[in-house]
PDB file of N, CA and C in Angstrom:
ATOM      1  N   LEU A   1     -19.769 -14.890 -23.514  1.00  0.00           N
ATOM      2  CA  LEU A   1     -19.273 -13.571 -23.168  1.00  0.00           C
ATOM      3  C   LEU A   1     -19.493 -12.598 -24.333  1.00  0.00           C
ATOM      4  N   ASP A   2     -19.221 -13.059 -25.550  1.00  0.00           N
ATOM      5  CA  ASP A   2     -19.396 -12.189 -26.716  1.00  0.00           C
ATOM      6  C   ASP A   2     -20.846 -11.724 -26.865  1.00  0.00           C
ATOM      7  N   ALA A   3     -21.782 -12.628 -26.606  1.00  0.00           N
ATOM      8  CA  ALA A   3     -23.198 -12.273 -26.733  1.00  0.00           C
ATOM      9  C   ALA A   3     -23.577 -11.197 -25.718  1.00  0.00           C
ATOM     10  N   PHE A   4     -23.114 -11.345 -24.481  1.00  0.00           N
ATOM     11  CA  PHE A   4     -23.453 -10.363 -23.458  1.00  0.00           C
ATOM     12  C   PHE A   4     -22.747  -9.033 -23.715  1.00  0.00           C
ATOM     13  N   THR A   5     -21.536  -9.100 -24.245  1.00  0.00           N
ATOM     14  CA  THR A   5     -20.821  -7.874 -24.602  1.00  0.00           C
ATOM     15  C   THR A   5     -21.569  -7.132 -25.704  1.00  0.00           C
ATOM     16  N   SER A   6     -22.085  -7.870 -26.669  1.00  0.00           N
ATOM     17  CA  SER A   6     -22.888  -7.251 -27.736  1.00  0.00           C
ATOM     18  C   SER A   6     -24.138  -6.595 -27.162  1.00  0.00           C
ATOM     19  N   VAL A   7     -24.756  -7.262 -26.202  1.00  0.00           N
ATOM     20  CA  VAL A   7     -25.961  -6.715 -25.573  1.00  0.00           C
ATOM     21  C   VAL A   7     -25.637  -5.410 -24.852  1.00  0.00           C
ATOM     22  N   THR A   8     -24.524  -5.388 -24.100  1.00  0.00           N
ATOM     23  CA  THR A   8     -24.187  -4.164 -23.367  1.00  0.00           C
ATOM     24  C   THR A   8     -23.767  -3.032 -24.310  1.00  0.00           C
ATOM     25  N   THR A   9     -23.266  -3.393 -25.478  1.00  0.00           N
ATOM     26  CA  THR A   9     -22.953  -2.366 -26.479  1.00  0.00           C
ATOM     27  C   THR A   9     -24.245  -1.760 -27.029  1.00  0.00           C
ATOM     28  N   ALA A  10     -25.219  -2.617 -27.280  1.00  0.00           N
ATOM     29  CA  ALA A  10     -26.502  -2.153 -27.819  1.00  0.00           C
ATOM     30  C   ALA A  10     -27.347  -1.452 -26.755  1.00  0.00           C
ATOM     31  N   ALA A  11     -27.235  -1.908 -25.495  1.00  0.00           N
ATOM     32  CA  ALA A  11     -28.040  -1.336 -24.404  1.00  0.00           C
ATOM     33  C   ALA A  11     -27.140  -1.111 -23.188  1.00  0.00           C
ATOM     34  N   PRO A  12     -26.277  -0.098 -23.247  1.00  0.00           N
ATOM     35  CA  PRO A  12     -25.282   0.100 -22.191  1.00  0.00           C
ATOM     36  C   PRO A  12     -25.861   0.430 -20.827  1.00  0.00           C
ATOM     37  N   ARG A  13     -27.099   0.870 -20.751  1.00  0.00           N
ATOM     38  CA  ARG A  13     -27.704   1.219 -19.459  1.00  0.00           C
ATOM     39  C   ARG A  13     -28.505   0.073 -18.860  1.00  0.00           C
ATOM     40  N   TRP A  14     -28.485  -1.092 -19.499  1.00  0.00           N
ATOM     41  CA  TRP A  14     -29.196  -2.259 -18.962  1.00  0.00           C
ATOM     42  C   TRP A  14     -28.265  -3.006 -18.017  1.00  0.00           C
ATOM     43  N   ALA A  15     -28.563  -2.969 -16.740  1.00  0.00           N
ATOM     44  CA  ALA A  15     -27.723  -3.593 -15.721  1.00  0.00           C
ATOM     45  C   ALA A  15     -27.613  -5.102 -15.918  1.00  0.00           C
ATOM     46  N   GLY A  16     -28.654  -5.724 -16.413  1.00  0.00           N
ATOM     47  CA  GLY A  16     -28.660  -7.176 -16.578  1.00  0.00           C
ATOM     48  C   GLY A  16     -27.552  -7.692 -17.478  1.00  0.00           C
ATOM     49  N   GLY A  17     -27.242  -6.953 -18.525  1.00  0.00           N
ATOM     50  CA  GLY A  17     -26.156  -7.368 -19.421  1.00  0.00           C
ATOM     51  C   GLY A  17     -24.818  -7.353 -18.709  1.00  0.00           C
ATOM     52  N   HIS A  18     -24.575  -6.294 -17.950  1.00  0.00           N
ATOM     53  CA  HIS A  18     -23.315  -6.191 -17.204  1.00  0.00           C
ATOM     54  C   HIS A  18     -23.250  -7.249 -16.104  1.00  0.00           C
ATOM     55  N   SER A  19     -24.392  -7.527 -15.494  1.00  0.00           N
ATOM     56  CA  SER A  19     -24.454  -8.555 -14.456  1.00  0.00           C
ATOM     57  C   SER A  19     -24.094  -9.932 -15.025  1.00  0.00           C
ATOM     58  N   ARG A  20     -24.547 -10.208 -16.220  1.00  0.00           N
ATOM     59  CA  ARG A  20     -24.225 -11.504 -16.832  1.00  0.00           C
ATOM     60  C   ARG A  20     -22.756 -11.600 -17.213  1.00  0.00           C
ATOM     61  N   ILE A  21     -22.185 -10.483 -17.663  1.00  0.00           N
ATOM     62  CA  ILE A  21     -20.745 -10.469 -17.935  1.00  0.00           C
ATOM     63  C   ILE A  21     -19.982 -10.719 -16.637  1.00  0.00           C
ATOM     64  N   CYS A  22     -20.431 -10.112 -15.581  1.00  0.00           N
ATOM     65  CA  CYS A  22     -19.846 -10.318 -14.254  1.00  0.00           C
ATOM     66  C   CYS A  22     -19.845 -11.808 -13.900  1.00  0.00           C
ATOM     67  N   ALA A  23     -20.958 -12.476 -14.125  1.00  0.00           N
ATOM     68  CA  ALA A  23     -21.071 -13.899 -13.801  1.00  0.00           C
ATOM     69  C   ALA A  23     -20.109 -14.748 -14.640  1.00  0.00           C
ATOM     70  N   VAL A  24     -19.980 -14.408 -15.910  1.00  0.00           N
ATOM     71  CA  VAL A  24     -19.065 -15.151 -16.786  1.00  0.00           C
ATOM     72  C   VAL A  24     -17.631 -14.985 -16.301  1.00  0.00           C
ATOM     73  N   TYR A  25     -17.234 -13.750 -16.013  1.00  0.00           N
ATOM     74  CA  TYR A  25     -15.871 -13.517 -15.525  1.00  0.00           C
ATOM     75  C   TYR A  25     -15.624 -14.240 -14.198  1.00  0.00           C
ATOM     76  N   ALA A  26     -16.604 -14.249 -13.325  1.00  0.00           N
ATOM     77  CA  ALA A  26     -16.448 -14.955 -12.051  1.00  0.00           C
ATOM     78  C   ALA A  26     -16.253 -16.454 -12.295  1.00  0.00           C
ATOM     79  N   GLN A  27     -17.040 -17.002 -13.186  1.00  0.00           N
ATOM     80  CA  GLN A  27     -16.930 -18.425 -13.507  1.00  0.00           C
ATOM     81  C   GLN A  27     -15.560 -18.747 -14.100  1.00  0.00           C
ATOM     82  N   GLN A  28     -15.017 -17.818 -14.864  1.00  0.00           N
ATOM     83  CA  GLN A  28     -13.698 -18.005 -15.470  1.00  0.00           C
ATOM     84  C   GLN A  28     -12.558 -17.658 -14.496  1.00  0.00           C
ATOM     85  N   GLN A  29     -12.923 -17.241 -13.299  1.00  0.00           N
ATOM     86  CA  GLN A  29     -11.972 -16.822 -12.268  1.00  0.00           C
ATOM     87  C   GLN A  29     -11.111 -15.640 -12.722  1.00  0.00           C
ATOM     88  N   ARG A  30     -11.712 -14.767 -13.487  1.00  0.00           N
ATOM     89  CA  ARG A  30     -11.067 -13.515 -13.915  1.00  0.00           C
ATOM     90  C   ARG A  30     -11.629 -12.415 -13.013  1.00  0.00           C
ATOM     91  N   HIS A  31     -11.168 -12.434 -11.765  1.00  0.00           N
ATOM     92  CA  HIS A  31     -11.792 -11.644 -10.712  1.00  0.00           C
ATOM     93  C   HIS A  31     -11.660 -10.135 -10.910  1.00  0.00           C
ATOM     94  N   GLY A  32     -10.562  -9.668 -11.464  1.00  0.00           N
ATOM     95  CA  GLY A  32     -10.430  -8.239 -11.734  1.00  0.00           C
ATOM     96  C   GLY A  32     -11.458  -7.764 -12.740  1.00  0.00           C
ATOM     97  N   MET A  33     -11.652  -8.537 -13.806  1.00  0.00           N
ATOM     98  CA  MET A  33     -12.658  -8.201 -14.814  1.00  0.00           C
ATOM     99  C   MET A  33     -14.067  -8.321 -14.213  1.00  0.00           C
ATOM    100  N   CYS A  34     -14.241  -9.299 -13.345  1.00  0.00           N
ATOM    101  CA  CYS A  34     -15.516  -9.493 -12.659  1.00  0.00           C
ATOM    102  C   CYS A  34     -15.869  -8.255 -11.841  1.00  0.00           C
ATOM    103  N   VAL A  35     -14.899  -7.737 -11.098  1.00  0.00           N
ATOM    104  CA  VAL A  35     -15.127  -6.543 -10.279  1.00  0.00           C
ATOM    105  C   VAL A  35     -15.578  -5.371 -11.153  1.00  0.00           C
ATOM    106  N   ALA A  36     -14.920  -5.180 -12.274  1.00  0.00           N
ATOM    107  CA  ALA A  36     -15.286  -4.065 -13.164  1.00  0.00           C
ATOM    108  C   ALA A  36     -16.711  -4.228 -13.697  1.00  0.00           C
ATOM    109  N   ALA A  37     -17.046  -5.422 -14.172  1.00  0.00           N
ATOM    110  CA  ALA A  37     -18.382  -5.657 -14.735  1.00  0.00           C
ATOM    111  C   ALA A  37     -19.459  -5.569 -13.651  1.00  0.00           C
ATOM    112  N   CYS A  38     -19.194  -6.157 -12.497  1.00  0.00           N
ATOM    113  CA  CYS A  38     -20.165  -6.102 -11.399  1.00  0.00           C
ATOM    114  C   CYS A  38     -20.353  -4.665 -10.921  1.00  0.00           C
ATOM    115  N   GLY A  39     -19.250  -3.933 -10.842  1.00  0.00           N
ATOM    116  CA  GLY A  39     -19.338  -2.541 -10.419  1.00  0.00           C
ATOM    117  C   GLY A  39     -20.233  -1.732 -11.332  1.00  0.00           C
ATOM    118  N   ARG A  40     -20.095  -1.947 -12.623  1.00  0.00           N
ATOM    119  CA  ARG A  40     -20.942  -1.249 -13.597  1.00  0.00           C
ATOM    120  C   ARG A  40     -22.407  -1.656 -13.410  1.00  0.00           C
ATOM    121  N   ALA A  41     -22.657  -2.944 -13.210  1.00  0.00           N
ATOM    122  CA  ALA A  41     -24.029  -3.426 -13.021  1.00  0.00           C
ATOM    123  C   ALA A  41     -24.645  -2.830 -11.756  1.00  0.00           C
ATOM    124  N   VAL A  42     -23.881  -2.774 -10.678  1.00  0.00           N
ATOM    125  CA  VAL A  42     -24.396  -2.230  -9.418  1.00  0.00           C
ATOM    126  C   VAL A  42     -24.601  -0.718  -9.535  1.00  0.00           C
ATOM    127  N   ASP A  43     -23.737  -0.046 -10.284  1.00  0.00           N
ATOM    128  CA  ASP A  43     -23.958   1.390 -10.521  1.00  0.00           C
ATOM    129  C   ASP A  43     -25.308   1.615 -11.206  1.00  0.00           C
ATOM    130  N   LEU A  44     -25.644   0.741 -12.132  1.00  0.00           N
ATOM    131  CA  LEU A  44     -26.897   0.874 -12.873  1.00  0.00           C
ATOM    132  C   LEU A  44     -28.106   0.382 -12.090  1.00  0.00           C
ATOM    133  N   ASN A  45     -27.901  -0.592 -11.211  1.00  0.00           N
ATOM    134  CA  ASN A  45     -28.989  -1.135 -10.389  1.00  0.00           C
ATOM    135  C   ASN A  45     -28.463  -1.417  -8.987  1.00  0.00           C
ATOM    136  N   PRO A  46     -28.509  -0.424  -8.099  1.00  0.00           N
ATOM    137  CA  PRO A  46     -27.925  -0.578  -6.768  1.00  0.00           C
ATOM    138  C   PRO A  46     -28.684  -1.528  -5.837  1.00  0.00           C
ATOM    139  N   HIS A  47     -29.746  -2.144  -6.320  1.00  0.00           N
ATOM    140  CA  HIS A  47     -30.508  -3.084  -5.497  1.00  0.00           C
ATOM    141  C   HIS A  47     -30.366  -4.531  -5.972  1.00  0.00           C
ATOM    142  N   ASP A  48     -29.443  -4.776  -6.876  1.00  0.00           N
ATOM    143  CA  ASP A  48     -29.220  -6.119  -7.417  1.00  0.00           C
ATOM    144  C   ASP A  48     -28.348  -6.907  -6.440  1.00  0.00           C
ATOM    145  N   VAL A  49     -28.999  -7.609  -5.529  1.00  0.00           N
ATOM    146  CA  VAL A  49     -28.303  -8.326  -4.459  1.00  0.00           C
ATOM    147  C   VAL A  49     -27.389  -9.406  -5.016  1.00  0.00           C
ATOM    148  N   TRP A  50     -27.835 -10.106  -6.051  1.00  0.00           N
ATOM    149  CA  TRP A  50     -26.999 -11.178  -6.602  1.00  0.00           C
ATOM    150  C   TRP A  50     -25.675 -10.620  -7.113  1.00  0.00           C
ATOM    151  N   THR A  51     -25.728  -9.510  -7.839  1.00  0.00           N
ATOM    152  CA  THR A  51     -24.510  -8.921  -8.382  1.00  0.00           C
ATOM    153  C   THR A  51     -23.638  -8.358  -7.267  1.00  0.00           C
ATOM    154  N   MET A  52     -24.257  -7.779  -6.252  1.00  0.00           N
ATOM    155  CA  MET A  52     -23.491  -7.298  -5.101  1.00  0.00           C
ATOM    156  C   MET A  52     -22.762  -8.459  -4.423  1.00  0.00           C
ATOM    157  N   MET A  53     -23.432  -9.585  -4.324  1.00  0.00           N
ATOM    158  CA  MET A  53     -22.818 -10.780  -3.726  1.00  0.00           C
ATOM    159  C   MET A  53     -21.638 -11.240  -4.582  1.00  0.00           C
ATOM    160  N   GLN A  54     -21.824 -11.261  -5.891  1.00  0.00           N
ATOM    161  CA  GLN A  54     -20.742 -11.670  -6.791  1.00  0.00           C
ATOM    162  C   GLN A  54     -19.570 -10.698  -6.689  1.00  0.00           C
ATOM    163  N   LEU A  55     -19.866  -9.421  -6.573  1.00  0.00           N
ATOM    164  CA  LEU A  55     -18.828  -8.405  -6.416  1.00  0.00           C
ATOM    165  C   LEU A  55     -18.041  -8.643  -5.127  1.00  0.00           C
ATOM    166  N   ALA A  56     -18.739  -8.934  -4.045  1.00  0.00           N
ATOM    167  CA  ALA A  56     -18.071  -9.234  -2.773  1.00  0.00           C
ATOM    168  C   ALA A  56     -17.185 -10.469  -2.895  1.00  0.00           C
ATOM    169  N   LEU A  57     -17.692 -11.506  -3.540  1.00  0.00           N
ATOM    170  CA  LEU A  57     -16.913 -12.745  -3.693  1.00  0.00           C
ATOM    171  C   LEU A  57     -15.657 -12.518  -4.531  1.00  0.00           C
ATOM    172  N   CYS A  58     -15.775 -11.710  -5.583  1.00  0.00           N
ATOM    173  CA  CYS A  58     -14.599 -11.428  -6.413  1.00  0.00           C
ATOM    174  C   CYS A  58     -13.566 -10.627  -5.626  1.00  0.00           C
ATOM    175  N   HIS A  59     -14.017  -9.656  -4.848  1.00  0.00           N
ATOM    176  CA  HIS A  59     -13.073  -8.914  -3.998  1.00  0.00           C
ATOM    177  C   HIS A  59     -12.419  -9.848  -2.976  1.00  0.00           C
ATOM    178  N   LYS A  60     -13.196 -10.772  -2.455  1.00  0.00           N
ATOM    179  CA  LYS A  60     -12.653 -11.759  -1.501  1.00  0.00           C
ATOM    180  C   LYS A  60     -11.557 -12.578  -2.172  1.00  0.00           C
ATOM    181  N   GLU A  61     -11.791 -13.033  -3.376  1.00  0.00           N
ATOM    182  CA  GLU A  61     -10.797 -13.818  -4.100  1.00  0.00           C
ATOM    183  C   GLU A  61      -9.547 -13.006  -4.418  1.00  0.00           C
ATOM    184  N   LEU A  62      -9.713 -11.701  -4.597  1.00  0.00           N
ATOM    185  CA  LEU A  62      -8.575 -10.823  -4.860  1.00  0.00           C
ATOM    186  C   LEU A  62      -7.855 -10.426  -3.571  1.00  0.00           C
ATOM    187  N   LYS A  63      -8.332 -10.954  -2.435  1.00  0.00           N
ATOM    188  CA  LYS A  63      -7.763 -10.660  -1.103  1.00  0.00           C
ATOM    189  C   LYS A  63      -7.971  -9.198  -0.712  1.00  0.00           C
ATOM    190  N   ASP A  64      -8.971  -8.577  -1.264  1.00  0.00           N
ATOM    191  CA  ASP A  64      -9.334  -7.213  -0.917  1.00  0.00           C
ATOM    192  C   ASP A  64     -10.403  -7.303   0.175  1.00  0.00           C
ATOM    193  N   VAL A  65      -9.948  -7.649   1.357  1.00  0.00           N
ATOM    194  CA  VAL A  65     -10.827  -8.028   2.461  1.00  0.00           C
ATOM    195  C   VAL A  65     -11.777  -6.908   2.868  1.00  0.00           C
ATOM    196  N   ASP A  66     -11.264  -5.698   3.036  1.00  0.00           N
ATOM    197  CA  ASP A  66     -12.123  -4.606   3.500  1.00  0.00           C
ATOM    198  C   ASP A  66     -13.248  -4.297   2.520  1.00  0.00           C
ATOM    199  N   VAL A  67     -12.935  -4.296   1.242  1.00  0.00           N
ATOM    200  CA  VAL A  67     -13.967  -4.014   0.236  1.00  0.00           C
ATOM    201  C   VAL A  67     -14.954  -5.181   0.169  1.00  0.00           C
ATOM    202  N   ALA A  68     -14.452  -6.405   0.211  1.00  0.00           N
ATOM    203  CA  ALA A  68     -15.340  -7.576   0.213  1.00  0.00           C
ATOM    204  C   ALA A  68     -16.294  -7.515   1.400  1.00  0.00           C
ATOM    205  N   LEU A  69     -15.754  -7.210   2.569  1.00  0.00           N
ATOM    206  CA  LEU A  69     -16.574  -7.136   3.777  1.00  0.00           C
ATOM    207  C   LEU A  69     -17.662  -6.072   3.637  1.00  0.00           C
ATOM    208  N   ARG A  70     -17.289  -4.932   3.078  1.00  0.00           N
ATOM    209  CA  ARG A  70     -18.268  -3.855   2.878  1.00  0.00           C
ATOM    210  C   ARG A  70     -19.408  -4.315   1.963  1.00  0.00           C
ATOM    211  N   TRP A  71     -19.069  -5.046   0.891  1.00  0.00           N
ATOM    212  CA  TRP A  71     -20.114  -5.523  -0.016  1.00  0.00           C
ATOM    213  C   TRP A  71     -20.966  -6.616   0.627  1.00  0.00           C
ATOM    214  N   PHE A  72     -20.336  -7.519   1.385  1.00  0.00           N
ATOM    215  CA  PHE A  72     -21.120  -8.542   2.085  1.00  0.00           C
ATOM    216  C   PHE A  72     -22.120  -7.888   3.043  1.00  0.00           C
ATOM    217  N   LYS A  73     -21.689  -6.861   3.745  1.00  0.00           N
ATOM    218  CA  LYS A  73     -22.587  -6.153   4.664  1.00  0.00           C
ATOM    219  C   LYS A  73     -23.717  -5.466   3.904  1.00  0.00           C
ATOM    220  N   SER A  74     -23.423  -4.943   2.728  1.00  0.00           N
ATOM    221  CA  SER A  74     -24.466  -4.324   1.905  1.00  0.00           C
ATOM    222  C   SER A  74     -25.513  -5.345   1.496  1.00  0.00           C
ATOM    223  N   VAL A  75     -25.053  -6.538   1.149  1.00  0.00           N
ATOM    224  CA  VAL A  75     -25.980  -7.623   0.792  1.00  0.00           C
ATOM    225  C   VAL A  75     -26.876  -7.947   1.979  1.00  0.00           C
ATOM    226  N   LEU A  76     -26.268  -8.074   3.163  1.00  0.00           N
ATOM    227  CA  LEU A  76     -27.039  -8.435   4.356  1.00  0.00           C
ATOM    228  C   LEU A  76     -28.069  -7.378   4.732  1.00  0.00           C
ATOM    229  N   LYS A  77     -27.794  -6.108   4.450  1.00  0.00           N
ATOM    230  CA  LYS A  77     -28.766  -5.054   4.736  1.00  0.00           C
ATOM    231  C   LYS A  77     -30.023  -5.228   3.896  1.00  0.00           C
ATOM    232  N   ILE A  78     -29.827  -5.629   2.637  1.00  0.00           N
ATOM    233  CA  ILE A  78     -30.954  -5.776   1.719  1.00  0.00           C
ATOM    234  C   ILE A  78     -31.637  -7.136   1.875  1.00  0.00           C
ATOM    235  N   TYR A  79     -30.842  -8.180   2.088  1.00  0.00           N
ATOM    236  CA  TYR A  79     -31.371  -9.556   2.112  1.00  0.00           C
ATOM    237  C   TYR A  79     -30.702 -10.317   3.260  1.00  0.00           C
ATOM    238  N   PRO A  80     -31.126 -10.044   4.504  1.00  0.00           N
ATOM    239  CA  PRO A  80     -30.473 -10.647   5.666  1.00  0.00           C
ATOM    240  C   PRO A  80     -30.512 -12.178   5.698  1.00  0.00           C
ATOM    241  N   ALA A  81     -31.487 -12.770   5.051  1.00  0.00           N
ATOM    242  CA  ALA A  81     -31.615 -14.231   5.089  1.00  0.00           C
ATOM    243  C   ALA A  81     -31.025 -14.905   3.852  1.00  0.00           C
ATOM    244  N   MET A  82     -30.178 -14.207   3.105  1.00  0.00           N
ATOM    245  CA  MET A  82     -29.623 -14.785   1.875  1.00  0.00           C
ATOM    246  C   MET A  82     -28.903 -16.101   2.210  1.00  0.00           C
ATOM    247  N   PRO A  83     -29.349 -17.203   1.620  1.00  0.00           N
ATOM    248  CA  PRO A  83     -28.779 -18.515   1.951  1.00  0.00           C
ATOM    249  C   PRO A  83     -27.266 -18.610   1.758  1.00  0.00           C
ATOM    250  N   ALA A  84     -26.728 -17.981   0.736  1.00  0.00           N
ATOM    251  CA  ALA A  84     -25.289 -18.078   0.463  1.00  0.00           C
ATOM    252  C   ALA A  84     -24.455 -17.466   1.581  1.00  0.00           C
ATOM    253  N   MET A  85     -25.033 -16.585   2.360  1.00  0.00           N
ATOM    254  CA  MET A  85     -24.275 -15.927   3.424  1.00  0.00           C
ATOM    255  C   MET A  85     -23.955 -16.875   4.577  1.00  0.00           C
ATOM    256  N   LYS A  86     -24.741 -17.916   4.745  1.00  0.00           N
ATOM    257  CA  LYS A  86     -24.494 -18.854   5.844  1.00  0.00           C
ATOM    258  C   LYS A  86     -23.103 -19.469   5.754  1.00  0.00           C
ATOM    259  N   ARG A  87     -22.688 -19.859   4.558  1.00  0.00           N
ATOM    260  CA  ARG A  87     -21.379 -20.498   4.414  1.00  0.00           C
ATOM    261  C   ARG A  87     -20.227 -19.505   4.551  1.00  0.00           C
ATOM    262  N   LEU A  88     -20.543 -18.202   4.504  1.00  0.00           N
ATOM    263  CA  LEU A  88     -19.521 -17.162   4.627  1.00  0.00           C
ATOM    264  C   LEU A  88     -19.471 -16.551   6.026  1.00  0.00           C
ATOM    265  N   LYS A  89     -20.319 -17.033   6.904  1.00  0.00           N
ATOM    266  CA  LYS A  89     -20.437 -16.463   8.246  1.00  0.00           C
ATOM    267  C   LYS A  89     -19.088 -16.416   8.977  1.00  0.00           C
ATOM    268  N   HIS A  90     -18.338 -17.498   8.926  1.00  0.00           N
ATOM    269  CA  HIS A  90     -17.037 -17.559   9.606  1.00  0.00           C
ATOM    270  C   HIS A  90     -16.047 -16.577   8.977  1.00  0.00           C
ATOM    271  N   TRP A  91     -15.998 -16.539   7.653  1.00  0.00           N
ATOM    272  CA  TRP A  91     -15.080 -15.623   6.973  1.00  0.00           C
ATOM    273  C   TRP A  91     -15.406 -14.174   7.326  1.00  0.00           C
ATOM    274  N   ILE A  92     -16.693 -13.823   7.323  1.00  0.00           N
ATOM    275  CA  ILE A  92     -17.111 -12.454   7.635  1.00  0.00           C
ATOM    276  C   ILE A  92     -16.717 -12.089   9.062  1.00  0.00           C
ATOM    277  N   ALA A  93     -16.957 -13.005  10.003  1.00  0.00           N
ATOM    278  CA  ALA A  93     -16.590 -12.740  11.400  1.00  0.00           C
ATOM    279  C   ALA A  93     -15.082 -12.538  11.540  1.00  0.00           C
ATOM    280  N   SER A  94     -14.292 -13.351  10.869  1.00  0.00           N
ATOM    281  CA  SER A  94     -12.834 -13.208  10.920  1.00  0.00           C
ATOM    282  C   SER A  94     -12.390 -11.892  10.293  1.00  0.00           C
ATOM    283  N   ALA A  95     -12.979 -11.538   9.174  1.00  0.00           N
ATOM    284  CA  ALA A  95     -12.626 -10.288   8.495  1.00  0.00           C
ATOM    285  C   ALA A  95     -12.972  -9.088   9.369  1.00  0.00           C
ATOM    286  N   GLU A  96     -14.108  -9.150  10.044  1.00  0.00           N
ATOM    287  CA  GLU A  96     -14.485  -8.051  10.936  1.00  0.00           C
ATOM    288  C   GLU A  96     -13.500  -7.927  12.092  1.00  0.00           C
ATOM    289  N   LEU A  97     -13.071  -9.048  12.659  1.00  0.00           N
ATOM    290  CA  LEU A  97     -12.085  -9.018  13.743  1.00  0.00           C
ATOM    291  C   LEU A  97     -10.772  -8.397  13.272  1.00  0.00           C
ATOM    292  N   MET A  98     -10.329  -8.794  12.087  1.00  0.00           N
ATOM    293  CA  MET A  98      -9.086  -8.234  11.546  1.00  0.00           C
ATOM    294  C   MET A  98      -9.219  -6.737  11.290  1.00  0.00           C
ATOM    295  N   ALA A  99     -10.353  -6.323  10.754  1.00  0.00           N
ATOM    296  CA  ALA A  99     -10.569  -4.898  10.476  1.00  0.00           C
ATOM    297  C   ALA A  99     -10.588  -4.099  11.785  1.00  0.00           C
ATOM    298  N   ASN A 100     -11.256  -4.626  12.793  1.00  0.00           N
ATOM    299  CA  ASN A 100     -11.304  -3.941  14.086  1.00  0.00           C
ATOM    300  C   ASN A 100      -9.936  -3.879  14.720  1.00  0.00           C
ATOM    301  N   ALA A 101      -9.148  -4.931  14.578  1.00  0.00           N
ATOM    302  CA  ALA A 101      -7.788  -4.943  15.134  1.00  0.00           C
ATOM    303  C   ALA A 101      -6.915  -3.898  14.440  1.00  0.00           C
ATOM    304  N   ARG A 102      -7.060  -3.768  13.118  1.00  0.00           N
ATOM    305  CA  ARG A 102      -6.288  -2.755  12.380  1.00  0.00           C
ATOM    306  C   ARG A 102      -6.660  -1.348  12.827  1.00  0.00           C
ATOM    307  N   ARG A 103      -7.965  -1.132  13.009  1.00  0.00           N
ATOM    308  CA  ARG A 103      -8.413   0.197  13.441  1.00  0.00           C
ATOM    309  C   ARG A 103      -7.926   0.497  14.862  1.00  0.00           C
ATOM    310  N   GLY A 104      -7.902  -0.516  15.704  1.00  0.00           N
ATOM    311  CA  GLY A 104      -7.460  -0.347  17.087  1.00  0.00           C
ATOM    312  C   GLY A 104      -5.984  -0.103  17.216  1.00  0.00           C
ATOM    313  N   SER A 105      -5.202  -0.641  16.266  1.00  0.00           N
ATOM    314  CA  SER A 105      -3.745  -0.491  16.334  1.00  0.00           C
ATOM    315  C   SER A 105      -3.238   0.742  15.595  1.00  0.00           C
ATOM    316  N   GLY A 106      -4.146   1.431  14.874  1.00  0.00           N
ATOM    317  CA  GLY A 106      -3.742   2.581  14.076  1.00  0.00           C
ATOM    318  C   GLY A 106      -3.832   3.809  14.843  1.00  0.00           C
TER     319      GLY A 106
END
């Protein structure tokens, strides 16, 4: 983590450094920090599907279902055949049903 933090200090506009910090935080299950680092990486490179996926997973772990769902859908728009999405298919379908039910009851 220290090495990647040093890299982002030296090159703050390099998305790759922030993406790697995101991965470290995710591995450490520090999901709030992961969201911040991934968000910065995606701001710098909005086509980084891996980081978008990590951002969605961290939001999912934080129980921020609507935001996680939005990021998962963003990943699918760019990379519809992403292998990791297969194991999340049931969760995504359930989250969409819950979101639609909330909108219908509001």
